[in-house]
Amino acid sequence: MVDDKKVNRVVELTMTEPGTEEAADSAEVAGSGAAAGSTEQDVPGYELPLLLFAGFRSLIDQLHAELALQGHPDIRPAYGFAIQAIGREGVTAVTIGRRLGISKQAAGKTVDRLEALGYAERAEDPKDARRKLVRLTPRGYDALARSAAIFDQLRATWAWRIGPPRLQALESDLRTLITDTGPGPGPHTLGATLDATGWPSKN
């Protein structure tokens, strides 16, 4: 059974603002837990995905709050993933679906919404007249560039909170874990695809 008190504490710790007394208290609590001699067996397995998800959700929520302030209030997480999948060169709906791990039909519906919001457009592929490319509009490029800058700021905040070496080690370890195919207790994955329609989004 999931321990609701522990789940809530995980969320509270991840949502604490840096530089506050509450943040200092949280760090002290976390440190005292580690100092108490916690072992791998003492940590319930469900806390790992909760911590990873809480970190993910914190970054994405902060990104979209800032994007809204910078003139992009209509972008939802799923649309942001699709804009990333389209990139600067433009791709087909099939490629968008493959990059997001969704069907061509689902990708098409997402592109329809991006078109309606003014972030993307369909155009003929200059290399193959039978195909349609999905390309970002100037508004889409602006959202993409702003997202990149905001993510850099958020990463810098994390680096300030735990120190650059620890953050770099965390990133390196996560890359290893999501691509690990070696021996050891399974299961192992060959990488990660993001089913954007399967992730929570603001409606």
N, C-alpha and C. Protein backbone atom coordinates (compact mmCIF):
# COMPACT_ATOMS: atom_id res chain seq x y z
N MET A 1 0.84 -1.20 0.00
CA MET A 1 0.00 0.00 0.00
C MET A 1 0.88 1.25 0.00
N VAL A 2 0.48 2.26 -0.76
CA VAL A 2 1.24 3.51 -0.82
C VAL A 2 1.03 4.30 0.45
N ASP A 3 2.11 4.78 1.04
CA ASP A 3 2.07 5.59 2.25
C ASP A 3 1.80 7.03 1.85
N ASP A 4 0.56 7.50 2.07
CA ASP A 4 0.19 8.86 1.65
C ASP A 4 1.05 9.92 2.31
N LYS A 5 1.45 9.72 3.56
CA LYS A 5 2.27 10.71 4.25
C LYS A 5 3.62 10.85 3.56
N LYS A 6 4.21 9.73 3.13
CA LYS A 6 5.50 9.78 2.46
C LYS A 6 5.36 10.42 1.07
N VAL A 7 4.27 10.09 0.37
CA VAL A 7 4.04 10.68 -0.95
C VAL A 7 3.94 12.20 -0.83
N ASN A 8 3.16 12.67 0.15
CA ASN A 8 3.00 14.11 0.33
C ASN A 8 4.32 14.76 0.72
N ARG A 9 5.12 14.07 1.53
CA ARG A 9 6.41 14.64 1.94
C ARG A 9 7.35 14.77 0.76
N VAL A 10 7.32 13.78 -0.16
CA VAL A 10 8.14 13.86 -1.36
C VAL A 10 7.78 15.09 -2.17
N VAL A 11 6.48 15.32 -2.35
CA VAL A 11 6.02 16.48 -3.12
C VAL A 11 6.40 17.77 -2.42
N GLU A 12 6.24 17.82 -1.09
CA GLU A 12 6.58 19.03 -0.34
C GLU A 12 8.05 19.37 -0.49
N LEU A 13 8.91 18.36 -0.41
CA LEU A 13 10.35 18.60 -0.52
C LEU A 13 10.72 19.12 -1.89
N THR A 14 10.08 18.61 -2.94
CA THR A 14 10.44 19.03 -4.30
C THR A 14 9.88 20.39 -4.63
N MET A 15 8.83 20.81 -3.95
CA MET A 15 8.20 22.09 -4.28
C MET A 15 8.70 23.22 -3.39
N THR A 16 9.62 22.95 -2.44
CA THR A 16 10.13 23.98 -1.56
C THR A 16 10.98 24.97 -2.33
N GLU A 17 10.76 26.26 -2.11
CA GLU A 17 11.51 27.29 -2.81
C GLU A 17 12.91 27.37 -2.24
N PRO A 18 13.95 27.48 -3.10
CA PRO A 18 15.31 27.62 -2.62
C PRO A 18 15.52 28.93 -1.88
N GLY A 19 16.47 28.92 -0.92
CA GLY A 19 16.83 30.14 -0.24
C GLY A 19 15.90 30.54 0.88
N THR A 20 14.91 29.67 1.24
CA THR A 20 14.00 29.99 2.32
C THR A 20 14.33 29.15 3.54
N GLU A 21 13.76 29.58 4.70
CA GLU A 21 13.97 28.79 5.91
C GLU A 21 13.40 27.40 5.75
N GLU A 22 12.27 27.31 5.02
CA GLU A 22 11.65 26.02 4.79
C GLU A 22 12.57 25.11 4.00
N ALA A 23 13.27 25.70 3.02
CA ALA A 23 14.20 24.91 2.22
C ALA A 23 15.33 24.39 3.08
N ALA A 24 15.83 25.26 4.00
CA ALA A 24 16.90 24.83 4.89
C ALA A 24 16.44 23.71 5.80
N ASP A 25 15.19 23.85 6.32
CA ASP A 25 14.65 22.80 7.18
C ASP A 25 14.50 21.50 6.43
N SER A 26 14.04 21.59 5.16
CA SER A 26 13.86 20.40 4.36
C SER A 26 15.18 19.70 4.12
N ALA A 27 16.22 20.51 3.83
CA ALA A 27 17.53 19.92 3.59
C ALA A 27 18.04 19.23 4.84
N GLU A 28 17.74 19.86 6.02
CA GLU A 28 18.18 19.26 7.28
C GLU A 28 17.47 17.94 7.52
N VAL A 29 16.17 17.90 7.22
CA VAL A 29 15.40 16.67 7.39
C VAL A 29 15.94 15.59 6.47
N ALA A 30 16.18 15.95 5.20
CA ALA A 30 16.69 14.97 4.26
C ALA A 30 18.06 14.47 4.69
N GLY A 31 18.91 15.41 5.18
CA GLY A 31 20.23 15.01 5.61
C GLY A 31 20.20 14.13 6.81
N SER A 32 19.28 14.41 7.77
CA SER A 32 19.22 13.60 8.97
C SER A 32 18.76 12.19 8.64
N GLY A 33 17.91 12.06 7.60
CA GLY A 33 17.47 10.73 7.19
C GLY A 33 18.62 9.92 6.65
N ALA A 34 19.49 10.59 5.87
CA ALA A 34 20.63 9.89 5.31
C ALA A 34 21.62 9.53 6.41
N ALA A 35 21.78 10.47 7.39
CA ALA A 35 22.74 10.23 8.45
C ALA A 35 22.28 9.13 9.38
N ALA A 36 20.99 8.85 9.39
CA ALA A 36 20.46 7.84 10.30
C ALA A 36 20.83 6.44 9.85
N GLY A 37 21.49 6.33 8.71
CA GLY A 37 21.96 5.02 8.27
C GLY A 37 20.97 4.28 7.39
N SER A 38 20.20 5.04 6.60
CA SER A 38 19.25 4.39 5.71
C SER A 38 19.99 3.49 4.73
N THR A 39 19.48 2.32 4.52
CA THR A 39 20.06 1.38 3.57
C THR A 39 19.16 1.25 2.37
N GLU A 40 19.68 0.59 1.34
CA GLU A 40 18.88 0.39 0.14
C GLU A 40 17.58 -0.33 0.45
N GLN A 41 17.63 -1.27 1.40
CA GLN A 41 16.44 -2.03 1.75
C GLN A 41 15.41 -1.19 2.50
N ASP A 42 15.88 -0.07 3.13
CA ASP A 42 14.98 0.77 3.89
C ASP A 42 14.11 1.66 3.01
N VAL A 43 14.48 1.84 1.76
CA VAL A 43 13.78 2.77 0.87
C VAL A 43 12.75 2.01 0.03
N PRO A 44 11.46 2.31 0.21
CA PRO A 44 10.44 1.63 -0.60
C PRO A 44 10.65 1.90 -2.08
N GLY A 45 10.45 0.90 -2.91
CA GLY A 45 10.68 1.04 -4.34
C GLY A 45 9.84 2.10 -5.00
N TYR A 46 8.63 2.34 -4.46
CA TYR A 46 7.74 3.30 -5.12
C TYR A 46 8.21 4.73 -4.97
N GLU A 47 9.14 5.00 -4.03
CA GLU A 47 9.59 6.38 -3.86
C GLU A 47 10.43 6.86 -5.04
N LEU A 48 11.15 5.94 -5.71
CA LEU A 48 11.98 6.35 -6.84
C LEU A 48 11.16 6.96 -7.97
N PRO A 49 10.12 6.26 -8.49
CA PRO A 49 9.34 6.91 -9.55
C PRO A 49 8.62 8.16 -9.08
N LEU A 50 8.23 8.21 -7.79
CA LEU A 50 7.59 9.42 -7.29
C LEU A 50 8.55 10.60 -7.30
N LEU A 51 9.79 10.35 -6.87
CA LEU A 51 10.79 11.42 -6.87
C LEU A 51 11.10 11.87 -8.29
N LEU A 52 11.26 10.92 -9.20
CA LEU A 52 11.56 11.27 -10.60
C LEU A 52 10.40 12.05 -11.21
N PHE A 53 9.18 11.59 -10.94
CA PHE A 53 8.03 12.27 -11.50
C PHE A 53 7.86 13.66 -10.89
N ALA A 54 8.09 13.77 -9.57
CA ALA A 54 7.96 15.07 -8.93
C ALA A 54 8.97 16.07 -9.50
N GLY A 55 10.19 15.59 -9.77
CA GLY A 55 11.19 16.47 -10.39
C GLY A 55 10.78 16.88 -11.79
N PHE A 56 10.30 15.91 -12.56
CA PHE A 56 9.83 16.18 -13.92
C PHE A 56 8.69 17.19 -13.90
N ARG A 57 7.70 16.92 -13.05
CA ARG A 57 6.52 17.78 -13.00
C ARG A 57 6.89 19.20 -12.55
N SER A 58 7.81 19.29 -11.59
CA SER A 58 8.24 20.61 -11.12
C SER A 58 8.85 21.42 -12.25
N LEU A 59 9.74 20.80 -13.03
CA LEU A 59 10.37 21.50 -14.15
C LEU A 59 9.36 21.91 -15.21
N ILE A 60 8.47 20.99 -15.57
CA ILE A 60 7.49 21.27 -16.63
C ILE A 60 6.50 22.35 -16.18
N ASP A 61 6.03 22.28 -14.93
CA ASP A 61 5.10 23.30 -14.44
C ASP A 61 5.75 24.68 -14.43
N GLN A 62 7.00 24.74 -13.97
CA GLN A 62 7.70 26.03 -13.94
C GLN A 62 7.94 26.55 -15.36
N LEU A 63 8.27 25.65 -16.27
CA LEU A 63 8.46 26.05 -17.67
C LEU A 63 7.20 26.70 -18.22
N HIS A 64 6.05 26.05 -18.05
CA HIS A 64 4.82 26.56 -18.66
C HIS A 64 4.31 27.81 -17.95
N ALA A 65 4.57 27.93 -16.66
CA ALA A 65 4.20 29.15 -15.97
C ALA A 65 4.99 30.34 -16.54
N GLU A 66 6.28 30.12 -16.79
CA GLU A 66 7.11 31.19 -17.34
C GLU A 66 6.76 31.46 -18.80
N LEU A 67 6.48 30.42 -19.58
CA LEU A 67 6.07 30.61 -20.98
C LEU A 67 4.79 31.45 -21.05
N ALA A 68 3.87 31.20 -20.13
CA ALA A 68 2.63 31.98 -20.11
C ALA A 68 2.93 33.45 -19.87
N LEU A 69 3.87 33.74 -18.99
CA LEU A 69 4.24 35.13 -18.71
C LEU A 69 4.94 35.77 -19.90
N GLN A 70 5.58 34.94 -20.73
CA GLN A 70 6.32 35.46 -21.87
C GLN A 70 5.52 35.42 -23.18
N GLY A 71 4.21 35.25 -23.06
CA GLY A 71 3.36 35.36 -24.25
C GLY A 71 2.89 34.07 -24.87
N HIS A 72 3.07 32.94 -24.17
CA HIS A 72 2.64 31.65 -24.71
C HIS A 72 1.76 30.90 -23.71
N PRO A 73 0.59 31.46 -23.37
CA PRO A 73 -0.27 30.82 -22.36
C PRO A 73 -1.01 29.59 -22.88
N ASP A 74 -1.05 29.40 -24.21
CA ASP A 74 -1.83 28.30 -24.78
C ASP A 74 -1.07 26.99 -24.89
N ILE A 75 0.23 27.02 -24.69
CA ILE A 75 1.02 25.78 -24.84
C ILE A 75 0.77 24.87 -23.65
N ARG A 76 0.40 23.63 -23.94
CA ARG A 76 0.28 22.59 -22.94
C ARG A 76 1.50 21.69 -23.02
N PRO A 77 1.77 20.89 -21.98
CA PRO A 77 2.94 20.00 -22.04
C PRO A 77 2.98 19.14 -23.28
N ALA A 78 1.85 18.55 -23.67
CA ALA A 78 1.84 17.70 -24.86
C ALA A 78 2.22 18.48 -26.11
N TYR A 79 1.79 19.75 -26.21
CA TYR A 79 2.14 20.57 -27.37
C TYR A 79 3.62 20.90 -27.34
N GLY A 80 4.15 21.14 -26.15
CA GLY A 80 5.57 21.44 -26.04
C GLY A 80 6.43 20.29 -26.51
N PHE A 81 6.04 19.05 -26.15
CA PHE A 81 6.79 17.88 -26.61
C PHE A 81 6.72 17.78 -28.14
N ALA A 82 5.55 18.09 -28.69
CA ALA A 82 5.39 18.01 -30.15
C ALA A 82 6.25 19.06 -30.84
N ILE A 83 6.30 20.26 -30.29
CA ILE A 83 7.14 21.31 -30.88
C ILE A 83 8.60 20.88 -30.87
N GLN A 84 9.03 20.25 -29.77
CA GLN A 84 10.39 19.73 -29.71
C GLN A 84 10.60 18.66 -30.78
N ALA A 85 9.60 17.82 -30.99
CA ALA A 85 9.71 16.75 -31.98
C ALA A 85 9.79 17.30 -33.40
N ILE A 86 9.09 18.40 -33.66
CA ILE A 86 9.13 19.02 -35.00
C ILE A 86 10.51 19.61 -35.25
N GLY A 87 11.05 20.30 -34.25
CA GLY A 87 12.39 20.86 -34.37
C GLY A 87 12.46 22.01 -35.37
N ARG A 88 13.68 22.37 -35.72
CA ARG A 88 13.89 23.54 -36.58
C ARG A 88 13.80 23.23 -38.07
N GLU A 89 13.94 21.96 -38.43
CA GLU A 89 13.98 21.61 -39.85
C GLU A 89 12.63 21.19 -40.42
N GLY A 90 11.70 20.78 -39.55
CA GLY A 90 10.42 20.29 -40.04
C GLY A 90 10.47 18.79 -40.31
N VAL A 91 9.39 18.10 -40.02
CA VAL A 91 9.34 16.65 -40.19
C VAL A 91 7.93 16.26 -40.62
N THR A 92 7.78 14.98 -40.95
CA THR A 92 6.45 14.48 -41.29
C THR A 92 5.70 14.09 -40.02
N ALA A 93 4.39 13.91 -40.16
CA ALA A 93 3.59 13.49 -39.01
C ALA A 93 4.02 12.11 -38.53
N VAL A 94 4.45 11.27 -39.45
CA VAL A 94 4.92 9.93 -39.08
C VAL A 94 6.14 10.04 -38.16
N THR A 95 7.05 10.94 -38.51
CA THR A 95 8.25 11.13 -37.69
C THR A 95 7.89 11.69 -36.33
N ILE A 96 6.95 12.63 -36.29
CA ILE A 96 6.50 13.17 -35.00
C ILE A 96 5.95 12.05 -34.13
N GLY A 97 5.12 11.20 -34.72
CA GLY A 97 4.56 10.08 -33.98
C GLY A 97 5.62 9.15 -33.45
N ARG A 98 6.63 8.87 -34.28
CA ARG A 98 7.70 7.98 -33.86
C ARG A 98 8.51 8.60 -32.73
N ARG A 99 8.80 9.89 -32.82
CA ARG A 99 9.60 10.55 -31.78
C ARG A 99 8.85 10.64 -30.46
N LEU A 100 7.53 10.75 -30.53
CA LEU A 100 6.74 10.86 -29.31
C LEU A 100 6.23 9.52 -28.81
N GLY A 101 6.35 8.49 -29.65
CA GLY A 101 5.84 7.19 -29.26
C GLY A 101 4.33 7.10 -29.36
N ILE A 102 3.73 7.83 -30.31
CA ILE A 102 2.28 7.81 -30.50
C ILE A 102 1.96 7.46 -31.95
N SER A 103 0.69 7.20 -32.23
CA SER A 103 0.29 6.83 -33.58
C SER A 103 0.31 8.03 -34.51
N LYS A 104 0.30 7.74 -35.82
CA LYS A 104 0.26 8.81 -36.81
C LYS A 104 -1.01 9.63 -36.65
N GLN A 105 -2.12 8.96 -36.33
CA GLN A 105 -3.40 9.65 -36.17
C GLN A 105 -3.35 10.61 -34.98
N ALA A 106 -2.77 10.14 -33.86
CA ALA A 106 -2.65 11.00 -32.68
C ALA A 106 -1.73 12.18 -32.96
N ALA A 107 -0.66 11.91 -33.70
CA ALA A 107 0.27 12.99 -34.06
C ALA A 107 -0.45 14.01 -34.94
N GLY A 108 -1.27 13.52 -35.86
CA GLY A 108 -2.01 14.42 -36.75
C GLY A 108 -2.95 15.34 -35.98
N LYS A 109 -3.60 14.79 -34.96
CA LYS A 109 -4.51 15.61 -34.16
C LYS A 109 -3.74 16.69 -33.38
N THR A 110 -2.56 16.32 -32.89
CA THR A 110 -1.74 17.29 -32.17
C THR A 110 -1.29 18.40 -33.11
N VAL A 111 -0.89 18.02 -34.33
CA VAL A 111 -0.48 19.02 -35.32
C VAL A 111 -1.65 19.93 -35.67
N ASP A 112 -2.85 19.36 -35.78
CA ASP A 112 -4.03 20.19 -36.05
C ASP A 112 -4.19 21.28 -34.99
N ARG A 113 -3.98 20.88 -33.74
CA ARG A 113 -4.14 21.85 -32.65
C ARG A 113 -3.04 22.90 -32.70
N LEU A 114 -1.81 22.47 -33.00
CA LEU A 114 -0.70 23.42 -33.10
C LEU A 114 -0.94 24.41 -34.24
N GLU A 115 -1.51 23.92 -35.34
CA GLU A 115 -1.86 24.82 -36.45
C GLU A 115 -2.90 25.84 -36.01
N ALA A 116 -3.92 25.37 -35.29
CA ALA A 116 -4.98 26.27 -34.86
C ALA A 116 -4.46 27.36 -33.91
N LEU A 117 -3.44 27.01 -33.15
CA LEU A 117 -2.86 27.97 -32.20
C LEU A 117 -1.78 28.83 -32.83
N GLY A 118 -1.42 28.52 -34.09
CA GLY A 118 -0.43 29.34 -34.79
C GLY A 118 1.02 28.94 -34.55
N TYR A 119 1.25 27.72 -34.04
CA TYR A 119 2.61 27.28 -33.75
C TYR A 119 3.24 26.43 -34.85
N ALA A 120 2.42 25.87 -35.72
CA ALA A 120 2.94 25.00 -36.77
C ALA A 120 2.10 25.14 -38.03
N GLU A 121 2.67 24.67 -39.15
CA GLU A 121 1.96 24.70 -40.42
C GLU A 121 2.38 23.49 -41.24
N ARG A 122 1.52 23.08 -42.14
CA ARG A 122 1.83 21.99 -43.06
C ARG A 122 2.26 22.60 -44.40
N ALA A 123 3.28 22.02 -44.98
CA ALA A 123 3.79 22.51 -46.26
C ALA A 123 4.29 21.34 -47.09
N GLU A 124 4.39 21.55 -48.40
CA GLU A 124 4.89 20.49 -49.26
C GLU A 124 6.37 20.24 -49.00
N ASP A 125 6.75 18.98 -49.07
CA ASP A 125 8.15 18.60 -48.91
C ASP A 125 8.86 18.88 -50.23
N PRO A 126 9.84 19.77 -50.25
CA PRO A 126 10.53 20.10 -51.50
C PRO A 126 11.25 18.90 -52.12
N LYS A 127 11.52 17.87 -51.33
CA LYS A 127 12.20 16.68 -51.82
C LYS A 127 11.23 15.60 -52.29
N ASP A 128 9.96 15.74 -51.92
CA ASP A 128 8.97 14.73 -52.30
C ASP A 128 7.59 15.38 -52.26
N ALA A 129 7.05 15.69 -53.43
CA ALA A 129 5.77 16.40 -53.52
C ALA A 129 4.61 15.59 -52.95
N ARG A 130 4.81 14.28 -52.77
CA ARG A 130 3.73 13.44 -52.24
C ARG A 130 3.60 13.57 -50.74
N ARG A 131 4.58 14.15 -50.11
CA ARG A 131 4.58 14.22 -48.65
C ARG A 131 4.32 15.64 -48.17
N LYS A 132 3.79 15.73 -46.96
CA LYS A 132 3.60 17.01 -46.29
C LYS A 132 4.56 17.09 -45.10
N LEU A 133 5.22 18.21 -44.99
CA LEU A 133 6.07 18.45 -43.84
C LEU A 133 5.34 19.32 -42.83
N VAL A 134 5.59 19.07 -41.57
CA VAL A 134 5.09 19.94 -40.51
C VAL A 134 6.26 20.83 -40.09
N ARG A 135 6.04 22.14 -40.18
CA ARG A 135 7.10 23.09 -39.85
C ARG A 135 6.61 24.07 -38.80
N LEU A 136 7.53 24.59 -38.03
CA LEU A 136 7.18 25.59 -37.05
C LEU A 136 6.99 26.95 -37.71
N THR A 137 6.04 27.70 -37.23
CA THR A 137 5.84 29.08 -37.66
C THR A 137 6.78 29.97 -36.84
N PRO A 138 6.88 31.25 -37.16
CA PRO A 138 7.69 32.14 -36.32
C PRO A 138 7.28 32.09 -34.85
N ARG A 139 5.99 31.96 -34.59
CA ARG A 139 5.53 31.84 -33.20
C ARG A 139 6.03 30.53 -32.58
N GLY A 140 6.05 29.47 -33.38
CA GLY A 140 6.56 28.20 -32.89
C GLY A 140 8.04 28.26 -32.59
N TYR A 141 8.80 28.92 -33.47
CA TYR A 141 10.24 29.09 -33.23
C TYR A 141 10.48 29.90 -31.95
N ASP A 142 9.65 30.91 -31.74
CA ASP A 142 9.81 31.74 -30.55
C ASP A 142 9.57 30.92 -29.29
N ALA A 143 8.54 30.08 -29.31
CA ALA A 143 8.24 29.23 -28.16
C ALA A 143 9.37 28.24 -27.91
N LEU A 144 9.92 27.69 -29.00
CA LEU A 144 11.02 26.73 -28.87
C LEU A 144 12.24 27.38 -28.25
N ALA A 145 12.59 28.58 -28.74
CA ALA A 145 13.76 29.29 -28.22
C ALA A 145 13.57 29.69 -26.76
N ARG A 146 12.38 30.17 -26.44
CA ARG A 146 12.12 30.57 -25.06
C ARG A 146 12.15 29.37 -24.12
N SER A 147 11.62 28.23 -24.59
CA SER A 147 11.64 27.02 -23.78
C SER A 147 13.07 26.61 -23.46
N ALA A 148 13.93 26.66 -24.46
CA ALA A 148 15.33 26.29 -24.25
C ALA A 148 15.99 27.19 -23.21
N ALA A 149 15.73 28.49 -23.31
CA ALA A 149 16.32 29.44 -22.36
C ALA A 149 15.79 29.22 -20.95
N ILE A 150 14.51 28.94 -20.84
CA ILE A 150 13.91 28.71 -19.52
C ILE A 150 14.46 27.43 -18.90
N PHE A 151 14.59 26.38 -19.71
CA PHE A 151 15.16 25.13 -19.20
C PHE A 151 16.59 25.34 -18.70
N ASP A 152 17.35 26.18 -19.39
CA ASP A 152 18.71 26.49 -18.94
C ASP A 152 18.67 27.16 -17.57
N GLN A 153 17.71 28.08 -17.39
CA GLN A 153 17.59 28.77 -16.11
C GLN A 153 17.18 27.80 -15.00
N LEU A 154 16.26 26.89 -15.32
CA LEU A 154 15.81 25.91 -14.32
C LEU A 154 16.94 24.96 -13.94
N ARG A 155 17.73 24.56 -14.93
CA ARG A 155 18.86 23.68 -14.63
C ARG A 155 19.87 24.41 -13.75
N ALA A 156 20.08 25.68 -14.03
CA ALA A 156 21.01 26.46 -13.21
C ALA A 156 20.53 26.56 -11.77
N THR A 157 19.21 26.63 -11.59
CA THR A 157 18.66 26.67 -10.23
C THR A 157 18.91 25.36 -9.51
N TRP A 158 18.72 24.24 -10.22
CA TRP A 158 19.01 22.94 -9.61
C TRP A 158 20.50 22.83 -9.26
N ALA A 159 21.35 23.31 -10.14
CA ALA A 159 22.80 23.26 -9.89
C ALA A 159 23.14 24.08 -8.66
N TRP A 160 22.48 25.22 -8.48
CA TRP A 160 22.71 26.07 -7.31
C TRP A 160 22.26 25.37 -6.03
N ARG A 161 21.18 24.60 -6.12
CA ARG A 161 20.63 23.96 -4.93
C ARG A 161 21.46 22.77 -4.46
N ILE A 162 21.98 21.96 -5.40
CA ILE A 162 22.70 20.75 -4.98
C ILE A 162 24.17 20.77 -5.39
N GLY A 163 24.57 21.76 -6.19
CA GLY A 163 25.96 21.84 -6.64
C GLY A 163 26.12 21.25 -8.02
N PRO A 164 26.87 21.92 -8.91
CA PRO A 164 27.07 21.42 -10.28
C PRO A 164 27.58 19.99 -10.37
N PRO A 165 28.57 19.57 -9.55
CA PRO A 165 29.05 18.19 -9.68
C PRO A 165 27.97 17.15 -9.41
N ARG A 166 27.13 17.40 -8.41
CA ARG A 166 26.08 16.43 -8.09
C ARG A 166 25.02 16.39 -9.20
N LEU A 167 24.70 17.55 -9.76
CA LEU A 167 23.72 17.58 -10.84
C LEU A 167 24.26 16.86 -12.08
N GLN A 168 25.53 17.10 -12.41
CA GLN A 168 26.14 16.42 -13.55
C GLN A 168 26.18 14.92 -13.33
N ALA A 169 26.46 14.49 -12.11
CA ALA A 169 26.47 13.06 -11.80
C ALA A 169 25.07 12.48 -11.93
N LEU A 170 24.07 13.22 -11.47
CA LEU A 170 22.68 12.77 -11.59
C LEU A 170 22.30 12.59 -13.05
N GLU A 171 22.62 13.57 -13.88
CA GLU A 171 22.29 13.48 -15.31
C GLU A 171 23.00 12.30 -15.95
N SER A 172 24.27 12.11 -15.61
CA SER A 172 25.04 10.99 -16.17
C SER A 172 24.44 9.65 -15.76
N ASP A 173 24.06 9.55 -14.48
CA ASP A 173 23.49 8.29 -13.99
C ASP A 173 22.14 8.00 -14.66
N LEU A 174 21.32 9.03 -14.86
CA LEU A 174 20.03 8.83 -15.51
C LEU A 174 20.21 8.39 -16.96
N ARG A 175 21.19 8.97 -17.66
CA ARG A 175 21.46 8.53 -19.04
C ARG A 175 21.84 7.06 -19.06
N THR A 176 22.65 6.65 -18.09
CA THR A 176 23.06 5.25 -18.03
C THR A 176 21.87 4.35 -17.76
N LEU A 177 21.01 4.74 -16.84
CA LEU A 177 19.89 3.91 -16.43
C LEU A 177 18.85 3.73 -17.53
N ILE A 178 18.61 4.77 -18.33
CA ILE A 178 17.57 4.64 -19.36
C ILE A 178 18.09 3.98 -20.62
N THR A 179 19.38 3.72 -20.70
CA THR A 179 19.94 3.04 -21.87
C THR A 179 20.62 1.74 -21.50
N ASP A 180 20.57 1.35 -20.23
CA ASP A 180 21.30 0.18 -19.74
C ASP A 180 20.71 -1.11 -20.31
N THR A 181 21.57 -1.96 -20.86
CA THR A 181 21.14 -3.27 -21.36
C THR A 181 22.02 -4.37 -20.78
N GLY A 182 22.84 -4.01 -19.78
CA GLY A 182 23.78 -4.96 -19.24
C GLY A 182 23.16 -5.88 -18.21
N PRO A 183 24.00 -6.71 -17.57
CA PRO A 183 23.50 -7.67 -16.58
C PRO A 183 23.02 -6.98 -15.33
N GLY A 184 22.32 -7.72 -14.51
CA GLY A 184 21.81 -7.17 -13.27
C GLY A 184 20.31 -7.36 -13.20
N PRO A 185 19.73 -7.04 -12.07
CA PRO A 185 18.28 -7.21 -11.92
C PRO A 185 17.52 -6.38 -12.94
N GLY A 186 16.66 -7.02 -13.70
CA GLY A 186 15.92 -6.35 -14.76
C GLY A 186 14.69 -5.65 -14.21
N PRO A 187 13.82 -5.13 -15.11
CA PRO A 187 14.03 -5.14 -16.56
C PRO A 187 14.96 -4.04 -17.03
N HIS A 188 15.48 -4.18 -18.25
CA HIS A 188 16.34 -3.17 -18.84
C HIS A 188 15.62 -2.55 -20.03
N THR A 189 16.02 -1.33 -20.37
CA THR A 189 15.41 -0.64 -21.51
C THR A 189 16.47 -0.30 -22.53
N LEU A 190 16.02 -0.07 -23.74
CA LEU A 190 16.92 0.33 -24.82
C LEU A 190 16.89 1.83 -25.04
N GLY A 191 16.27 2.54 -24.17
CA GLY A 191 16.15 3.98 -24.33
C GLY A 191 14.77 4.41 -23.88
N ALA A 192 14.38 5.62 -24.21
CA ALA A 192 13.10 6.14 -23.75
C ALA A 192 12.39 6.85 -24.88
N THR A 193 11.11 6.53 -25.05
CA THR A 193 10.25 7.31 -25.94
C THR A 193 9.19 7.93 -25.06
N LEU A 194 8.72 9.07 -25.46
CA LEU A 194 7.78 9.80 -24.64
C LEU A 194 6.42 9.81 -25.32
N ASP A 195 5.46 9.09 -24.72
CA ASP A 195 4.09 9.12 -25.20
C ASP A 195 3.44 10.37 -24.62
N ALA A 196 3.46 11.45 -25.40
CA ALA A 196 3.01 12.73 -24.88
C ALA A 196 1.55 12.68 -24.44
N THR A 197 0.71 11.89 -25.15
CA THR A 197 -0.69 11.84 -24.79
C THR A 197 -0.91 11.06 -23.50
N GLY A 198 0.10 10.32 -23.08
CA GLY A 198 -0.04 9.54 -21.86
C GLY A 198 0.40 10.27 -20.61
N TRP A 199 1.05 11.43 -20.79
CA TRP A 199 1.51 12.18 -19.63
C TRP A 199 0.45 13.16 -19.20
N PRO A 200 0.40 13.47 -17.90
CA PRO A 200 -0.59 14.45 -17.43
C PRO A 200 -0.38 15.78 -18.14
N SER A 201 -1.49 16.39 -18.53
CA SER A 201 -1.41 17.70 -19.15
C SER A 201 -2.55 18.56 -18.63
N LYS A 202 -2.35 19.85 -18.70
CA LYS A 202 -3.39 20.77 -18.23
C LYS A 202 -4.44 20.92 -19.31
N ASN A 203 -5.68 20.74 -18.95
CA ASN A 203 -6.76 20.84 -19.92
C ASN A 203 -7.46 22.20 -19.81
